[in-house]
N, C-alpha and C. Protein backbone atom coordinates (compact mmCIF):
# COMPACT_ATOMS: atom_id res chain seq x y z
N ARG A 1 93.37 87.29 74.28
CA ARG A 1 94.80 87.51 74.06
C ARG A 1 95.23 86.83 72.76
N GLN A 2 94.68 85.67 72.47
CA GLN A 2 95.04 84.99 71.23
C GLN A 2 94.59 85.81 70.01
N LEU A 3 93.40 86.42 70.12
CA LEU A 3 92.93 87.27 69.02
C LEU A 3 93.84 88.49 68.85
N PHE A 4 94.27 89.06 69.97
CA PHE A 4 95.16 90.22 69.89
C PHE A 4 96.46 89.86 69.19
N ASP A 5 97.04 88.73 69.52
CA ASP A 5 98.29 88.31 68.88
C ASP A 5 98.10 88.15 67.37
N ARG A 6 96.91 87.72 66.95
CA ARG A 6 96.66 87.50 65.52
C ARG A 6 96.35 88.81 64.80
N TRP A 7 95.71 89.76 65.50
CA TRP A 7 95.25 90.97 64.83
C TRP A 7 96.16 92.18 65.03
N ALA A 8 97.09 92.13 65.96
CA ALA A 8 97.88 93.32 66.32
C ALA A 8 98.76 93.82 65.19
N THR A 9 99.11 92.98 64.25
CA THR A 9 100.02 93.40 63.18
C THR A 9 99.31 94.11 62.03
N ASP A 10 97.98 94.07 62.01
CA ASP A 10 97.21 94.65 60.90
C ASP A 10 96.75 96.06 61.28
N PRO A 11 97.15 97.10 60.53
CA PRO A 11 96.75 98.47 60.86
C PRO A 11 95.25 98.72 60.68
N LYS A 12 94.53 97.79 60.03
CA LYS A 12 93.09 97.96 59.88
C LYS A 12 92.34 97.60 61.16
N ASN A 13 93.00 96.95 62.10
CA ASN A 13 92.38 96.57 63.36
C ASN A 13 92.64 97.62 64.44
N GLY A 14 91.92 97.50 65.53
CA GLY A 14 92.11 98.45 66.63
C GLY A 14 91.75 97.84 67.97
N VAL A 15 92.33 98.39 69.03
CA VAL A 15 92.05 97.98 70.41
C VAL A 15 91.54 99.19 71.17
N LEU A 16 90.37 99.06 71.77
CA LEU A 16 89.78 100.14 72.56
C LEU A 16 89.79 99.72 74.03
N ILE A 17 90.57 100.44 74.83
CA ILE A 17 90.69 100.13 76.27
C ILE A 17 89.74 101.04 77.03
N ALA A 18 88.81 100.42 77.72
CA ALA A 18 87.80 101.19 78.47
C ALA A 18 88.08 101.07 79.96
N GLY A 19 88.33 102.21 80.58
CA GLY A 19 88.51 102.22 82.03
C GLY A 19 89.93 102.01 82.47
N TYR A 20 90.06 101.45 83.65
CA TYR A 20 91.33 101.35 84.35
C TYR A 20 92.14 100.16 83.86
N ALA A 21 93.42 100.36 83.60
CA ALA A 21 94.33 99.29 83.20
C ALA A 21 95.38 99.10 84.29
N VAL A 22 95.54 97.87 84.74
CA VAL A 22 96.45 97.56 85.84
C VAL A 22 97.89 97.60 85.34
N GLU A 23 98.79 98.07 86.22
CA GLU A 23 100.21 98.10 85.87
C GLU A 23 100.72 96.69 85.57
N ASN A 24 101.74 96.63 84.68
CA ASN A 24 102.41 95.38 84.30
C ASN A 24 101.46 94.41 83.60
N THR A 25 100.47 94.94 82.90
CA THR A 25 99.60 94.10 82.07
C THR A 25 99.75 94.53 80.62
N LEU A 26 99.24 93.69 79.71
CA LEU A 26 99.33 94.02 78.29
C LEU A 26 98.55 95.29 77.98
N ALA A 27 97.38 95.44 78.58
CA ALA A 27 96.57 96.64 78.32
C ALA A 27 97.33 97.91 78.69
N LYS A 28 97.99 97.88 79.85
CA LYS A 28 98.76 99.05 80.26
C LYS A 28 99.95 99.28 79.34
N GLU A 29 100.55 98.21 78.89
CA GLU A 29 101.74 98.32 78.04
C GLU A 29 101.41 98.95 76.69
N ILE A 30 100.33 98.49 76.04
CA ILE A 30 100.03 98.99 74.69
C ILE A 30 99.45 100.40 74.72
N MET A 31 99.02 100.88 75.91
CA MET A 31 98.56 102.27 76.00
C MET A 31 99.69 103.25 75.72
N HIS A 32 100.94 102.81 75.91
CA HIS A 32 102.12 103.65 75.64
C HIS A 32 102.58 103.55 74.18
N GLN A 33 101.82 102.85 73.35
CA GLN A 33 102.09 102.74 71.92
C GLN A 33 103.50 102.21 71.62
N PRO A 34 103.88 101.05 72.14
CA PRO A 34 105.20 100.51 71.79
C PRO A 34 105.22 100.04 70.34
N LYS A 35 106.40 99.95 69.77
CA LYS A 35 106.52 99.49 68.38
C LYS A 35 106.36 97.98 68.28
N GLU A 36 106.71 97.27 69.35
CA GLU A 36 106.61 95.82 69.35
C GLU A 36 105.99 95.33 70.65
N VAL A 37 105.39 94.13 70.58
CA VAL A 37 104.86 93.47 71.77
C VAL A 37 105.31 92.01 71.74
N VAL A 38 105.25 91.38 72.90
CA VAL A 38 105.63 89.98 73.02
C VAL A 38 104.35 89.14 73.06
N THR A 39 104.27 88.13 72.20
CA THR A 39 103.08 87.29 72.13
C THR A 39 103.09 86.26 73.26
N LEU A 40 101.99 85.50 73.33
CA LEU A 40 101.91 84.44 74.33
C LEU A 40 102.98 83.38 74.10
N GLU A 41 103.40 83.21 72.85
CA GLU A 41 104.43 82.23 72.52
C GLU A 41 105.83 82.73 72.82
N GLY A 42 105.96 84.02 73.21
CA GLY A 42 107.26 84.55 73.57
C GLY A 42 108.02 85.20 72.44
N ARG A 43 107.44 85.34 71.28
CA ARG A 43 108.14 85.99 70.17
C ARG A 43 107.68 87.44 70.06
N ARG A 44 108.53 88.28 69.53
CA ARG A 44 108.23 89.70 69.38
C ARG A 44 107.63 89.94 68.01
N GLN A 45 106.59 90.79 67.98
CA GLN A 45 105.95 91.13 66.71
C GLN A 45 105.56 92.60 66.73
N PRO A 46 105.46 93.23 65.56
CA PRO A 46 105.14 94.67 65.52
C PRO A 46 103.71 94.94 65.98
N LEU A 47 103.52 96.09 66.59
CA LEU A 47 102.19 96.54 66.99
C LEU A 47 101.75 97.60 65.98
N ASN A 48 100.98 97.18 65.00
CA ASN A 48 100.53 98.08 63.94
C ASN A 48 99.08 98.53 64.11
N CYS A 49 98.33 97.86 64.96
CA CYS A 49 96.91 98.21 65.10
C CYS A 49 96.76 99.50 65.90
N LEU A 50 95.59 100.11 65.78
CA LEU A 50 95.29 101.34 66.52
C LEU A 50 94.97 100.99 67.97
N VAL A 51 95.49 101.78 68.91
CA VAL A 51 95.20 101.61 70.34
C VAL A 51 94.65 102.93 70.86
N ASP A 52 93.48 102.87 71.46
CA ASP A 52 92.87 104.08 72.00
C ASP A 52 92.27 103.77 73.37
N TYR A 53 92.07 104.84 74.14
CA TYR A 53 91.58 104.69 75.52
C TYR A 53 90.41 105.63 75.74
N VAL A 54 89.37 105.12 76.38
CA VAL A 54 88.24 105.95 76.77
C VAL A 54 87.99 105.76 78.25
N SER A 55 87.58 106.83 78.92
CA SER A 55 87.27 106.75 80.35
C SER A 55 85.90 106.11 80.51
N PHE A 56 85.88 105.00 81.21
CA PHE A 56 84.62 104.28 81.44
C PHE A 56 84.69 103.73 82.85
N SER A 57 84.12 104.45 83.80
CA SER A 57 84.26 104.06 85.19
C SER A 57 82.99 104.43 85.95
N ALA A 58 82.64 103.56 86.89
CA ALA A 58 81.49 103.84 87.75
C ALA A 58 81.87 104.75 88.91
N HIS A 59 83.15 105.09 89.02
CA HIS A 59 83.61 105.93 90.12
C HIS A 59 83.39 107.40 89.80
N VAL A 60 83.45 108.22 90.83
CA VAL A 60 83.28 109.66 90.65
C VAL A 60 84.55 110.26 90.05
N ASP A 61 84.40 111.45 89.46
CA ASP A 61 85.56 112.14 88.91
C ASP A 61 86.09 113.13 89.94
N PHE A 62 87.09 113.93 89.52
CA PHE A 62 87.74 114.84 90.46
C PHE A 62 86.77 115.89 90.99
N MET A 63 85.95 116.46 90.11
CA MET A 63 85.02 117.50 90.55
C MET A 63 84.04 116.97 91.59
N GLN A 64 83.55 115.75 91.38
CA GLN A 64 82.63 115.17 92.35
C GLN A 64 83.34 114.87 93.67
N ASN A 65 84.56 114.37 93.58
CA ASN A 65 85.34 114.13 94.79
C ASN A 65 85.59 115.43 95.55
N ARG A 66 85.97 116.47 94.82
CA ARG A 66 86.28 117.75 95.46
C ARG A 66 85.04 118.33 96.14
N ASN A 67 83.89 118.27 95.47
CA ASN A 67 82.67 118.80 96.07
C ASN A 67 82.27 118.02 97.31
N PHE A 68 82.44 116.70 97.25
CA PHE A 68 82.10 115.87 98.41
C PHE A 68 83.01 116.19 99.59
N ILE A 69 84.31 116.32 99.32
CA ILE A 69 85.27 116.62 100.39
C ILE A 69 85.00 118.00 100.97
N SER A 70 84.63 118.95 100.13
CA SER A 70 84.35 120.31 100.63
C SER A 70 83.14 120.31 101.55
N ARG A 71 82.15 119.49 101.24
CA ARG A 71 80.95 119.44 102.08
C ARG A 71 81.22 118.73 103.41
N VAL A 72 81.96 117.65 103.35
CA VAL A 72 82.23 116.88 104.57
C VAL A 72 83.25 117.60 105.45
N ASP A 73 84.21 118.28 104.83
CA ASP A 73 85.27 119.00 105.55
C ASP A 73 85.99 118.08 106.54
N PRO A 74 86.60 117.00 106.05
CA PRO A 74 87.25 116.05 106.97
C PRO A 74 88.59 116.57 107.46
N LYS A 75 89.04 115.99 108.57
CA LYS A 75 90.37 116.31 109.10
C LYS A 75 91.45 115.46 108.42
N HIS A 76 91.07 114.31 107.91
CA HIS A 76 92.03 113.39 107.28
C HIS A 76 91.45 112.88 105.97
N ILE A 77 92.28 112.81 104.94
CA ILE A 77 91.89 112.25 103.65
C ILE A 77 92.90 111.17 103.30
N ILE A 78 92.43 109.94 103.10
CA ILE A 78 93.29 108.81 102.76
C ILE A 78 92.90 108.31 101.38
N LEU A 79 93.83 108.33 100.45
CA LEU A 79 93.58 107.91 99.07
C LEU A 79 94.07 106.47 98.89
N VAL A 80 93.14 105.58 98.55
CA VAL A 80 93.47 104.17 98.35
C VAL A 80 92.70 103.64 97.14
N HIS A 81 93.04 102.43 96.74
CA HIS A 81 92.28 101.70 95.71
C HIS A 81 92.19 102.49 94.42
N GLY A 82 93.34 102.73 93.84
CA GLY A 82 93.36 103.43 92.57
C GLY A 82 94.72 103.33 91.91
N GLN A 83 94.79 103.75 90.67
CA GLN A 83 96.06 103.73 89.95
C GLN A 83 96.99 104.78 90.56
N LYS A 84 98.24 104.40 90.78
CA LYS A 84 99.17 105.22 91.55
C LYS A 84 99.33 106.62 90.97
N ASP A 85 99.54 106.71 89.66
CA ASP A 85 99.75 108.03 89.05
C ASP A 85 98.51 108.90 89.15
N GLU A 86 97.33 108.29 88.93
CA GLU A 86 96.09 109.06 89.01
C GLU A 86 95.85 109.55 90.44
N MET A 87 96.10 108.68 91.42
CA MET A 87 95.93 109.10 92.81
C MET A 87 96.92 110.18 93.18
N GLY A 88 98.14 110.10 92.62
CA GLY A 88 99.13 111.13 92.89
C GLY A 88 98.68 112.49 92.38
N ARG A 89 98.06 112.50 91.19
CA ARG A 89 97.55 113.76 90.66
C ARG A 89 96.38 114.28 91.50
N LEU A 90 95.53 113.36 91.96
CA LEU A 90 94.42 113.77 92.82
C LEU A 90 94.94 114.35 94.13
N LYS A 91 95.96 113.72 94.70
CA LYS A 91 96.54 114.23 95.95
C LYS A 91 97.13 115.62 95.74
N ALA A 92 97.87 115.80 94.65
CA ALA A 92 98.48 117.10 94.38
C ALA A 92 97.41 118.18 94.18
N ALA A 93 96.32 117.84 93.50
CA ALA A 93 95.25 118.82 93.28
C ALA A 93 94.56 119.18 94.58
N LEU A 94 94.34 118.19 95.45
CA LEU A 94 93.69 118.47 96.73
C LEU A 94 94.59 119.32 97.63
N MET A 95 95.89 119.03 97.62
CA MET A 95 96.81 119.83 98.43
C MET A 95 96.87 121.26 97.92
N LEU A 96 96.83 121.44 96.61
CA LEU A 96 96.83 122.79 96.04
C LEU A 96 95.55 123.53 96.41
N GLN A 97 94.44 122.81 96.42
CA GLN A 97 93.16 123.43 96.76
C GLN A 97 93.13 123.90 98.21
N HIS A 98 93.71 123.10 99.12
CA HIS A 98 93.66 123.43 100.54
C HIS A 98 94.83 124.31 101.00
N ARG A 99 95.73 124.65 100.08
CA ARG A 99 96.88 125.47 100.47
C ARG A 99 96.47 126.86 100.93
N GLN A 100 95.33 127.35 100.43
CA GLN A 100 94.88 128.69 100.80
C GLN A 100 94.33 128.75 102.22
N LEU A 101 94.05 127.60 102.83
CA LEU A 101 93.54 127.58 104.19
C LEU A 101 94.67 127.74 105.20
N PRO A 102 94.37 128.22 106.41
CA PRO A 102 95.40 128.24 107.46
C PRO A 102 95.89 126.83 107.74
N GLU A 103 97.14 126.73 108.13
CA GLU A 103 97.74 125.41 108.33
C GLU A 103 96.97 124.58 109.35
N SER A 104 96.41 125.22 110.36
CA SER A 104 95.67 124.49 111.39
C SER A 104 94.37 123.90 110.88
N LYS A 105 93.86 124.41 109.75
CA LYS A 105 92.59 123.94 109.21
C LYS A 105 92.76 123.05 107.99
N ARG A 106 93.99 122.82 107.57
CA ARG A 106 94.21 121.96 106.40
C ARG A 106 94.09 120.49 106.80
N PRO A 107 93.42 119.68 105.99
CA PRO A 107 93.36 118.25 106.30
C PRO A 107 94.67 117.57 105.95
N THR A 108 94.96 116.49 106.63
CA THR A 108 96.11 115.67 106.27
C THR A 108 95.70 114.77 105.10
N ILE A 109 96.49 114.77 104.04
CA ILE A 109 96.18 113.99 102.84
C ILE A 109 97.26 112.92 102.71
N ILE A 110 96.85 111.66 102.77
CA ILE A 110 97.79 110.54 102.80
C ILE A 110 97.47 109.60 101.63
N MET A 111 98.51 109.09 100.98
CA MET A 111 98.35 108.10 99.92
C MET A 111 99.25 106.91 100.24
N PRO A 112 98.86 106.06 101.18
CA PRO A 112 99.75 104.99 101.63
C PRO A 112 99.79 103.83 100.64
N PRO A 113 100.93 103.19 100.49
CA PRO A 113 100.99 101.96 99.68
C PRO A 113 100.29 100.82 100.39
N ASN A 114 100.09 99.73 99.68
CA ASN A 114 99.43 98.57 100.27
C ASN A 114 100.20 98.07 101.49
N LEU A 115 99.44 97.68 102.51
CA LEU A 115 99.95 97.07 103.74
C LEU A 115 100.64 98.07 104.66
N GLN A 116 100.68 99.34 104.30
CA GLN A 116 101.29 100.33 105.20
C GLN A 116 100.28 100.74 106.27
N GLU A 117 100.73 100.72 107.52
CA GLU A 117 99.87 101.11 108.63
C GLU A 117 99.74 102.63 108.70
N VAL A 118 98.52 103.08 108.89
CA VAL A 118 98.24 104.51 108.99
C VAL A 118 97.68 104.80 110.37
N LYS A 119 98.28 105.74 111.08
CA LYS A 119 97.82 106.12 112.41
C LYS A 119 97.24 107.53 112.34
N LEU A 120 96.04 107.68 112.86
CA LEU A 120 95.36 108.97 112.87
C LEU A 120 95.11 109.40 114.31
N LYS A 121 95.25 110.68 114.56
CA LYS A 121 95.02 111.23 115.88
C LYS A 121 93.75 112.07 115.85
N PHE A 122 92.81 111.70 116.71
CA PHE A 122 91.55 112.43 116.79
C PHE A 122 91.47 113.13 118.14
N THR A 123 91.09 114.38 118.12
CA THR A 123 90.89 115.13 119.36
C THR A 123 89.40 115.26 119.62
N ARG A 124 89.00 115.00 120.84
CA ARG A 124 87.59 115.06 121.20
C ARG A 124 87.37 116.16 122.22
N ARG A 125 86.46 117.03 121.93
CA ARG A 125 86.15 118.11 122.84
C ARG A 125 85.07 117.64 123.82
N ARG A 126 85.37 117.78 125.09
CA ARG A 126 84.42 117.35 126.12
C ARG A 126 83.92 118.56 126.89
N SER A 127 82.64 118.56 127.19
CA SER A 127 82.04 119.64 127.98
C SER A 127 81.12 119.03 129.02
N ALA A 128 80.90 119.78 130.09
CA ALA A 128 80.04 119.32 131.18
C ALA A 128 79.26 120.51 131.72
N LYS A 129 78.03 120.25 132.12
CA LYS A 129 77.19 121.28 132.73
C LYS A 129 77.43 121.32 134.24
N VAL A 130 77.61 122.52 134.75
CA VAL A 130 77.73 122.71 136.20
C VAL A 130 76.33 122.95 136.74
N MET A 131 75.90 122.12 137.70
CA MET A 131 74.51 122.17 138.16
C MET A 131 74.46 122.25 139.68
N GLY A 132 73.28 122.63 140.18
CA GLY A 132 73.05 122.65 141.62
C GLY A 132 73.74 123.80 142.32
N GLN A 133 74.23 123.52 143.52
CA GLN A 133 74.87 124.55 144.34
C GLN A 133 76.07 125.18 143.65
N LEU A 134 76.78 124.39 142.84
CA LEU A 134 77.96 124.94 142.17
C LEU A 134 77.58 126.01 141.15
N ALA A 135 76.37 125.91 140.59
CA ALA A 135 75.95 126.88 139.58
C ALA A 135 75.23 128.07 140.20
N ASP A 136 74.68 127.90 141.41
CA ASP A 136 73.94 128.98 142.06
C ASP A 136 74.91 129.90 142.81
N ARG A 137 75.56 130.76 142.05
CA ARG A 137 76.49 131.70 142.66
C ARG A 137 76.10 133.11 142.25
N GLU A 138 76.43 134.05 143.09
CA GLU A 138 76.04 135.44 142.85
C GLU A 138 76.81 136.05 141.68
N ARG A 139 78.06 135.69 141.52
CA ARG A 139 78.87 136.29 140.45
C ARG A 139 79.11 135.29 139.33
N GLU A 140 79.39 135.81 138.17
CA GLU A 140 79.68 134.97 137.01
C GLU A 140 81.07 134.35 137.16
N PRO A 141 81.25 133.10 136.79
CA PRO A 141 82.57 132.49 136.89
C PRO A 141 83.54 133.11 135.89
N GLU A 142 84.80 133.12 136.25
CA GLU A 142 85.84 133.66 135.38
C GLU A 142 86.50 132.52 134.60
N GLU A 143 87.02 132.86 133.43
CA GLU A 143 87.69 131.85 132.61
C GLU A 143 88.93 131.33 133.32
N GLY A 144 89.06 130.01 133.36
CA GLY A 144 90.19 129.39 134.03
C GLY A 144 89.98 129.16 135.51
N GLU A 145 88.84 129.56 136.02
CA GLU A 145 88.56 129.38 137.45
C GLU A 145 88.31 127.91 137.76
N SER A 146 88.84 127.45 138.87
CA SER A 146 88.68 126.05 139.27
C SER A 146 87.32 125.83 139.93
N VAL A 147 86.73 124.67 139.65
CA VAL A 147 85.46 124.28 140.25
C VAL A 147 85.67 122.94 140.93
N ARG A 148 85.30 122.85 142.16
CA ARG A 148 85.49 121.62 142.92
C ARG A 148 84.14 120.90 143.02
N GLY A 149 84.07 119.73 142.43
CA GLY A 149 82.83 118.97 142.44
C GLY A 149 83.07 117.56 141.94
N ILE A 150 82.00 116.87 141.64
CA ILE A 150 82.06 115.49 141.16
C ILE A 150 81.56 115.46 139.72
N LEU A 151 82.37 114.88 138.83
CA LEU A 151 82.00 114.75 137.42
C LEU A 151 81.24 113.45 137.23
N VAL A 152 80.03 113.55 136.71
CA VAL A 152 79.18 112.38 136.47
C VAL A 152 78.86 112.33 134.98
N THR A 153 79.12 111.19 134.35
CA THR A 153 78.85 111.01 132.92
C THR A 153 77.88 109.86 132.73
N GLN A 154 76.82 110.11 131.97
CA GLN A 154 75.84 109.08 131.66
C GLN A 154 75.30 109.33 130.26
N ASN A 155 75.33 108.27 129.42
CA ASN A 155 74.85 108.38 128.04
C ASN A 155 75.54 109.53 127.29
N PHE A 156 76.86 109.65 127.51
CA PHE A 156 77.71 110.63 126.84
C PHE A 156 77.40 112.08 127.26
N ASN A 157 76.58 112.27 128.28
CA ASN A 157 76.31 113.60 128.82
C ASN A 157 76.98 113.72 130.18
N SER A 158 77.71 114.82 130.39
CA SER A 158 78.46 115.01 131.63
C SER A 158 77.95 116.22 132.39
N LYS A 159 78.00 116.12 133.71
CA LYS A 159 77.65 117.25 134.57
C LYS A 159 78.53 117.23 135.80
N VAL A 160 78.72 118.41 136.37
CA VAL A 160 79.52 118.57 137.57
C VAL A 160 78.59 119.06 138.68
N VAL A 161 78.55 118.31 139.78
CA VAL A 161 77.69 118.66 140.91
C VAL A 161 78.48 118.51 142.20
N SER A 162 77.97 119.11 143.24
CA SER A 162 78.59 118.94 144.56
C SER A 162 78.12 117.60 145.15
N PRO A 163 78.85 117.04 146.10
CA PRO A 163 78.42 115.77 146.70
C PRO A 163 77.02 115.84 147.30
N GLU A 164 76.64 116.98 147.84
CA GLU A 164 75.31 117.11 148.44
C GLU A 164 74.19 117.04 147.40
N ASP A 165 74.50 117.40 146.16
CA ASP A 165 73.47 117.42 145.11
C ASP A 165 73.39 116.11 144.33
N LEU A 166 74.21 115.14 144.65
CA LEU A 166 74.17 113.88 143.91
C LEU A 166 72.78 113.24 143.91
N PRO A 167 72.08 113.14 145.05
CA PRO A 167 70.74 112.52 145.01
C PRO A 167 69.74 113.30 144.16
N ALA A 168 69.91 114.61 144.04
CA ALA A 168 68.95 115.42 143.30
C ALA A 168 69.14 115.33 141.79
N TYR A 169 70.38 115.18 141.32
CA TYR A 169 70.66 115.21 139.90
C TYR A 169 71.12 113.88 139.32
N THR A 170 71.32 112.89 140.16
CA THR A 170 71.73 111.57 139.70
C THR A 170 71.01 110.51 140.51
N GLN A 171 71.23 109.27 140.13
CA GLN A 171 70.68 108.14 140.88
C GLN A 171 71.68 107.62 141.91
N LEU A 172 72.74 108.36 142.12
CA LEU A 172 73.76 107.95 143.07
C LEU A 172 73.41 108.43 144.47
N ARG A 173 73.92 107.75 145.45
CA ARG A 173 73.72 108.12 146.84
C ARG A 173 75.08 108.26 147.51
N VAL A 174 75.17 109.20 148.44
CA VAL A 174 76.43 109.45 149.14
C VAL A 174 76.43 108.62 150.42
N GLY A 175 77.49 107.89 150.62
CA GLY A 175 77.65 107.10 151.84
C GLY A 175 78.97 107.44 152.51
N SER A 176 79.14 106.92 153.69
CA SER A 176 80.39 107.15 154.42
C SER A 176 80.84 105.84 155.04
N VAL A 177 82.12 105.69 155.14
CA VAL A 177 82.73 104.49 155.71
C VAL A 177 83.67 104.92 156.81
N SER A 178 83.52 104.34 157.96
CA SER A 178 84.42 104.63 159.08
C SER A 178 85.00 103.31 159.57
N SER A 179 86.24 103.38 159.98
CA SER A 179 86.91 102.17 160.46
C SER A 179 87.95 102.55 161.51
N LYS A 180 88.30 101.58 162.32
CA LYS A 180 89.33 101.77 163.34
C LYS A 180 90.40 100.71 163.15
N LEU A 181 91.62 101.14 163.34
CA LEU A 181 92.75 100.23 163.22
C LEU A 181 93.55 100.29 164.52
N HIS A 182 93.69 99.16 165.17
CA HIS A 182 94.43 99.07 166.43
C HIS A 182 95.79 98.44 166.14
N VAL A 183 96.84 99.21 166.39
CA VAL A 183 98.20 98.74 166.16
C VAL A 183 98.99 98.92 167.46
N PRO A 184 99.49 97.83 168.03
CA PRO A 184 100.32 97.96 169.24
C PRO A 184 101.59 98.74 168.93
N PHE A 185 101.94 99.69 169.80
CA PHE A 185 103.13 100.52 169.60
C PHE A 185 103.79 100.73 170.96
N ALA A 186 105.07 100.40 171.02
CA ALA A 186 105.78 100.45 172.30
C ALA A 186 106.63 101.71 172.45
N GLY A 187 106.66 102.57 171.43
CA GLY A 187 107.50 103.76 171.50
C GLY A 187 106.78 104.93 172.14
N ARG A 188 107.36 106.10 171.99
CA ARG A 188 106.80 107.32 172.56
C ARG A 188 105.67 107.84 171.67
N VAL A 189 104.72 108.50 172.28
CA VAL A 189 103.58 109.04 171.54
C VAL A 189 104.03 110.11 170.55
N GLU A 190 105.00 110.92 170.94
CA GLU A 190 105.49 111.97 170.05
C GLU A 190 106.08 111.39 168.77
N THR A 191 106.81 110.28 168.92
CA THR A 191 107.40 109.63 167.74
C THR A 191 106.32 109.09 166.82
N LEU A 192 105.30 108.46 167.42
CA LEU A 192 104.19 107.93 166.62
C LEU A 192 103.45 109.06 165.90
N ARG A 193 103.22 110.17 166.59
CA ARG A 193 102.52 111.30 165.98
C ARG A 193 103.32 111.85 164.80
N LEU A 194 104.64 111.91 164.95
CA LEU A 194 105.50 112.41 163.87
C LEU A 194 105.40 111.52 162.64
N PHE A 195 105.47 110.19 162.84
CA PHE A 195 105.38 109.25 161.72
C PHE A 195 104.03 109.35 161.02
N LEU A 196 102.96 109.43 161.79
CA LEU A 196 101.62 109.49 161.20
C LEU A 196 101.40 110.78 160.42
N ASN A 197 101.91 111.89 160.94
CA ASN A 197 101.77 113.16 160.22
C ASN A 197 102.55 113.17 158.92
N GLU A 198 103.73 112.52 158.93
CA GLU A 198 104.52 112.45 157.70
C GLU A 198 103.83 111.59 156.65
N MET A 199 103.13 110.55 157.10
CA MET A 199 102.50 109.62 156.16
C MET A 199 101.13 110.10 155.70
N PHE A 200 100.30 110.58 156.61
CA PHE A 200 98.93 110.92 156.27
C PHE A 200 98.66 112.42 156.30
N GLY A 201 99.26 113.13 157.23
CA GLY A 201 99.00 114.56 157.36
C GLY A 201 97.66 114.83 158.02
N GLY A 202 97.60 115.86 158.82
CA GLY A 202 96.35 116.24 159.45
C GLY A 202 95.81 115.20 160.41
N VAL A 203 96.67 114.55 161.15
CA VAL A 203 96.24 113.51 162.09
C VAL A 203 95.72 114.17 163.36
N GLU A 204 94.53 113.75 163.77
CA GLU A 204 93.94 114.26 165.01
C GLU A 204 94.13 113.23 166.12
N GLU A 205 94.52 113.71 167.26
CA GLU A 205 94.79 112.82 168.39
C GLU A 205 93.58 112.79 169.32
N GLU A 206 93.15 111.60 169.65
CA GLU A 206 92.00 111.42 170.53
C GLU A 206 92.35 110.38 171.58
N ILE A 207 92.21 110.72 172.83
CA ILE A 207 92.54 109.81 173.93
C ILE A 207 91.24 109.29 174.54
N GLU A 208 91.09 107.97 174.48
CA GLU A 208 89.91 107.34 175.05
C GLU A 208 90.19 106.94 176.49
N GLY A 209 89.24 107.18 177.34
CA GLY A 209 89.41 106.81 178.74
C GLY A 209 89.13 105.33 178.98
N GLY A 210 89.49 104.91 180.15
CA GLY A 210 89.26 103.51 180.49
C GLY A 210 90.46 102.75 180.11
């Protein structure tokens, strides 16, 4: 910077800016060719030297970015870590490129500022194989037809089987639990039956002798 302050007034000198220049820096300021600059000492002096810019970056260019995005075909594109104006032009070019696609197939293109939270929604398609007795049917199933069975998922693979087929297609075993509950009741049997049917439904009445 001290050399720049000493040499900037001489038109025989020049400054070559290679690559990206950060906003609100001297490099970014002189790229706009101002007539004067402020030195480190705070005084204003003319900018007579030549200022030029060359692209020098290890990053990919627009064509490489576009080809990569076309191959990956992402649902979401988030542009970060770049100069705001350049990223804005990249976003506009990508939106123009994807405008020809149906709206349902266009990716969302976001250019969030620093510290802004970005929420993405991903939809996952799940499928399961119907196996055993449920699959051994004489007619082909119809679209939207309900299947009653047990869904078993292991190692991200899912299958639907009947309870009777669990031992054959899984390591699970079917068990049963029976219990009795004795509750003293001093009212009429009809009243008790009504309450039980309202609460549980399908109550069977069994009278034990003795």
